[in-house]
Amino acid sequence: MNVQVLKYFLLALSASSLVIYTAQAQNGISDKVYYDLVTDIIMEDTIVPNWRAKIIEDRVKRGTMTKHDSIKYFRIIKNSRLVLYNKKVNSRAKKALTKDLEETHYLKKHLSDKEVRDIVNKFPEDGPIDATLVKDRIEVLNKIPMRQDGHKFSSPIRISGNRFLVYHFNVTGHFSFSSGVVIFSVKDDTYLIEKKVILEEVVL
């Protein structure tokens, strides 16, 4: 290989590596951590909360629900269809956080106005979800079907240090949804959720 060509090749390779490294540094966390977090949040749909399980148990004891029906209910929840929208909804996240900053102020207890503004400015353009990094149990779709529960997430954004935020939009029925953020920290390629904050919720 010609020396000049070799130099050009190595320079191009170095520049390419720098771009990849810079993108990872800006993102702040590995794909593994991000998709572990997304997967675990979605998988919560297959778990009956303790408060609801106690209600079911009480109904069985009172005779208002049969043991067979309670088992059937738990099985339905466990086998729920799990859907993830195939785009990172960063534009939706920016609007939601901007609205909270200017009107509702739910994040004020957890983040300063400056931190929220910085997060809003850090959101990139909407981008694709990597379906290959999502559990097979979860369907990654271009559109959440009507009357089907589903999830939408933003890219992870660094707050400061090892603290991050991800926006989560959860469709819970035909006209029902919740919109909020997950604040979490990362250490040794493992996440720890600090707080989930609901910014808007509609239940019909």
Protein backbone atom coordinates (compact mmCIF):
# COMPACT_ATOMS: atom_id res chain seq x y z
CA MET A 1 0.00 0.00 0.00
CA ASN A 2 1.28 3.45 -0.92
CA VAL A 3 2.60 5.36 2.15
CA GLN A 4 0.43 8.40 1.37
CA VAL A 5 -2.65 6.21 0.97
CA LEU A 6 -1.83 4.44 4.23
CA LYS A 7 -1.52 7.77 6.07
CA TYR A 8 -4.88 8.88 4.67
CA PHE A 9 -6.47 5.59 5.70
CA LEU A 10 -5.12 5.82 9.26
CA LEU A 11 -6.22 9.47 9.54
CA ALA A 12 -9.73 8.58 8.37
CA LEU A 13 -9.87 5.65 10.80
CA SER A 14 -8.75 7.91 13.65
CA ALA A 15 -11.40 10.52 12.80
CA SER A 16 -14.07 7.84 12.61
CA SER A 17 -13.07 6.46 16.00
CA LEU A 18 -13.17 9.98 17.47
CA VAL A 19 -16.72 10.51 16.20
CA ILE A 20 -17.85 7.20 17.73
CA TYR A 21 -16.09 7.97 21.01
CA THR A 22 -17.56 11.49 21.14
CA ALA A 23 -21.08 10.18 20.53
CA GLN A 24 -20.67 7.64 23.33
CA ALA A 25 -19.29 10.27 25.68
CA GLN A 26 -22.19 12.62 24.99
CA ASN A 27 -24.67 9.80 25.51
CA GLY A 28 -22.90 9.01 28.76
CA ILE A 29 -24.10 5.43 29.17
CA SER A 30 -23.70 2.19 27.25
CA ASP A 31 -26.43 0.72 25.07
CA LYS A 32 -26.59 -2.16 27.56
CA VAL A 33 -27.57 0.10 30.45
CA TYR A 34 -30.11 2.01 28.34
CA TYR A 35 -31.83 -1.08 26.96
CA ASP A 36 -31.71 -2.86 30.35
CA LEU A 37 -33.58 0.12 31.81
CA VAL A 38 -36.11 0.28 28.96
CA THR A 39 -36.70 -3.47 29.08
CA ASP A 40 -37.16 -3.59 32.86
CA ILE A 41 -39.67 -0.72 32.81
CA ILE A 42 -41.71 -2.39 30.07
CA MET A 43 -41.57 -5.77 31.85
CA GLU A 44 -43.30 -4.15 34.84
CA ASP A 45 -46.49 -4.56 32.79
CA THR A 46 -46.31 -8.30 33.52
CA ILE A 47 -46.22 -7.85 37.30
CA VAL A 48 -49.31 -7.33 39.46
CA PRO A 49 -48.55 -4.58 42.04
CA ASN A 50 -48.75 -5.61 45.70
CA TRP A 51 -51.71 -3.31 46.37
CA ARG A 52 -53.70 -4.87 43.53
CA ALA A 53 -52.72 -8.41 44.53
CA LYS A 54 -54.05 -7.74 48.03
CA ILE A 55 -57.37 -6.56 46.58
CA ILE A 56 -57.63 -9.75 44.51
CA GLU A 57 -56.75 -11.86 47.55
CA ASP A 58 -59.39 -10.06 49.63
CA ARG A 59 -62.05 -10.63 46.96
CA VAL A 60 -61.26 -14.35 46.90
CA LYS A 61 -61.56 -14.51 50.71
CA ARG A 62 -64.91 -12.70 50.62
CA GLY A 63 -66.19 -14.93 47.85
CA THR A 64 -66.69 -12.11 45.33
CA MET A 65 -64.05 -13.70 43.07
CA THR A 66 -63.26 -17.37 42.59
CA LYS A 67 -59.77 -18.77 43.04
CA HIS A 68 -59.92 -19.90 39.41
CA ASP A 69 -60.70 -16.35 38.21
CA SER A 70 -57.89 -14.88 40.32
CA ILE A 71 -55.38 -17.33 38.80
CA LYS A 72 -56.71 -16.47 35.35
CA TYR A 73 -56.28 -12.75 36.07
CA PHE A 74 -52.66 -13.16 37.18
CA ARG A 75 -51.95 -15.29 34.11
CA ILE A 76 -53.39 -12.62 31.78
CA ILE A 77 -51.18 -9.95 33.34
CA LYS A 78 -48.10 -12.18 33.21
CA ASN A 79 -48.68 -12.89 29.51
CA SER A 80 -49.58 -9.30 28.54
CA ARG A 81 -48.55 -8.17 25.08
CA LEU A 82 -45.56 -5.82 25.40
CA VAL A 83 -45.06 -3.10 22.79
CA LEU A 84 -42.26 -0.56 22.30
CA TYR A 85 -42.42 2.26 19.74
CA ASN A 86 -39.43 2.03 17.41
CA LYS A 87 -38.32 5.68 17.67
CA LYS A 88 -36.73 7.63 20.51
CA VAL A 89 -39.29 10.38 21.11
CA ASN A 90 -36.89 13.22 21.92
CA SER A 91 -39.08 15.93 20.37
CA ARG A 92 -42.02 14.85 22.55
CA ALA A 93 -39.70 14.80 25.56
CA LYS A 94 -38.53 18.37 24.89
CA LYS A 95 -42.14 19.60 24.74
CA ALA A 96 -43.11 17.78 27.94
CA LEU A 97 -40.14 19.08 29.94
CA THR A 98 -40.56 22.61 28.56
CA LYS A 99 -44.23 22.57 29.59
CA ASP A 100 -43.26 21.41 33.08
CA LEU A 101 -40.61 24.12 33.32
CA GLU A 102 -43.02 26.87 32.28
CA GLU A 103 -46.36 25.68 33.73
CA THR A 104 -46.70 22.61 35.97
CA HIS A 105 -43.32 22.43 37.82
CA TYR A 106 -43.51 18.76 38.88
CA LEU A 107 -39.76 18.41 38.40
CA LYS A 108 -38.95 21.36 40.64
CA LYS A 109 -38.64 19.11 43.70
CA HIS A 110 -35.99 17.02 42.01
CA LEU A 111 -34.16 19.24 39.51
CA SER A 112 -33.35 22.93 39.31
CA ASP A 113 -34.75 25.07 36.48
CA LYS A 114 -31.25 25.30 35.04
CA GLU A 115 -30.86 21.51 35.02
CA VAL A 116 -34.20 21.11 33.25
CA ARG A 117 -33.27 23.75 30.63
CA ASP A 118 -29.92 22.05 30.06
CA ILE A 119 -31.63 18.67 29.62
CA VAL A 120 -34.10 20.14 27.11
CA ASN A 121 -31.22 21.58 25.10
CA LYS A 122 -29.34 18.26 25.11
CA PHE A 123 -32.08 16.18 23.50
CA PRO A 124 -30.95 15.10 20.00
CA GLU A 125 -33.22 14.57 17.00
CA ASP A 126 -35.62 11.64 17.17
CA GLY A 127 -33.72 8.47 16.35
CA PRO A 128 -34.34 4.73 15.94
CA ILE A 129 -34.60 2.15 18.69
CA ASP A 130 -32.20 -0.75 18.15
CA ALA A 131 -34.63 -3.69 18.09
CA THR A 132 -31.73 -6.17 18.25
CA LEU A 133 -30.97 -4.99 21.81
CA VAL A 134 -34.55 -5.42 23.04
CA LYS A 135 -35.82 -8.68 24.55
CA ASP A 136 -37.68 -10.94 22.13
CA ARG A 137 -40.64 -10.80 24.53
CA ILE A 138 -41.12 -7.14 23.52
CA GLU A 139 -42.51 -6.17 20.11
CA VAL A 140 -40.84 -3.14 18.51
CA LEU A 141 -43.41 -1.52 16.21
CA ASN A 142 -43.72 1.52 13.92
CA LYS A 143 -47.05 2.35 15.55
CA ILE A 144 -48.73 1.33 18.79
CA PRO A 145 -51.97 -0.45 17.77
CA MET A 146 -55.29 1.11 18.80
CA ARG A 147 -56.50 -0.03 22.23
CA GLN A 148 -53.10 -1.56 22.92
CA ASP A 149 -50.84 -0.58 25.80
CA GLY A 150 -47.37 0.51 24.71
CA HIS A 151 -44.25 2.44 25.60
CA LYS A 152 -42.21 5.27 24.11
CA PHE A 153 -38.82 6.44 25.40
CA SER A 154 -36.41 9.28 24.71
CA SER A 155 -32.65 9.03 24.51
CA PRO A 156 -30.89 9.06 27.88
CA ILE A 157 -29.66 12.52 28.87
CA ARG A 158 -26.95 13.25 31.41
CA ILE A 159 -28.04 15.52 34.27
CA SER A 160 -24.58 15.72 35.82
CA GLY A 161 -21.90 13.27 36.91
CA ASN A 162 -23.35 9.77 36.82
CA ARG A 163 -26.99 10.94 36.99
CA PHE A 164 -29.24 10.66 33.96
CA LEU A 165 -32.81 11.18 32.83
CA VAL A 166 -34.97 9.39 30.30
CA TYR A 167 -38.46 10.45 29.22
CA HIS A 168 -41.16 7.75 29.25
CA PHE A 169 -44.57 7.94 27.55
CA ASN A 170 -46.84 5.04 28.51
CA VAL A 171 -50.06 4.35 26.59
CA THR A 172 -52.40 2.56 29.00
CA GLY A 173 -55.61 2.40 27.00
CA HIS A 174 -57.41 3.85 23.99
CA PHE A 175 -57.48 7.38 25.48
CA SER A 176 -55.38 6.84 28.63
CA PHE A 177 -51.69 7.57 29.07
CA SER A 178 -49.01 8.76 31.45
CA SER A 179 -46.08 10.99 30.59
CA GLY A 180 -43.08 11.29 32.85
CA VAL A 181 -39.36 10.94 33.43
CA VAL A 182 -37.10 8.41 35.09
CA ILE A 183 -34.13 9.82 36.98
CA PHE A 184 -31.38 7.26 37.52
CA SER A 185 -27.70 6.87 38.27
CA VAL A 186 -25.17 4.57 36.62
CA LYS A 187 -22.26 2.71 38.18
CA ASP A 188 -20.24 -0.17 36.72
CA ASP A 189 -22.62 -0.54 33.77
CA THR A 190 -25.61 -0.93 36.10
CA TYR A 191 -28.45 1.52 36.63
CA LEU A 192 -30.20 2.51 39.84
CA ILE A 193 -33.54 4.32 39.59
CA GLU A 194 -33.68 7.31 41.93
CA LYS A 195 -37.11 8.65 41.07
CA LYS A 196 -39.99 8.35 38.63
CA VAL A 197 -41.87 11.63 38.14
CA ILE A 198 -45.25 11.79 36.42
CA LEU A 199 -45.65 15.00 34.39
CA GLU A 200 -49.10 14.31 32.96
CA GLU A 201 -51.65 11.51 33.32
CA VAL A 202 -55.01 10.89 31.67
CA VAL A 203 -57.17 7.94 32.74
CA LEU A 204 -60.44 7.26 30.92
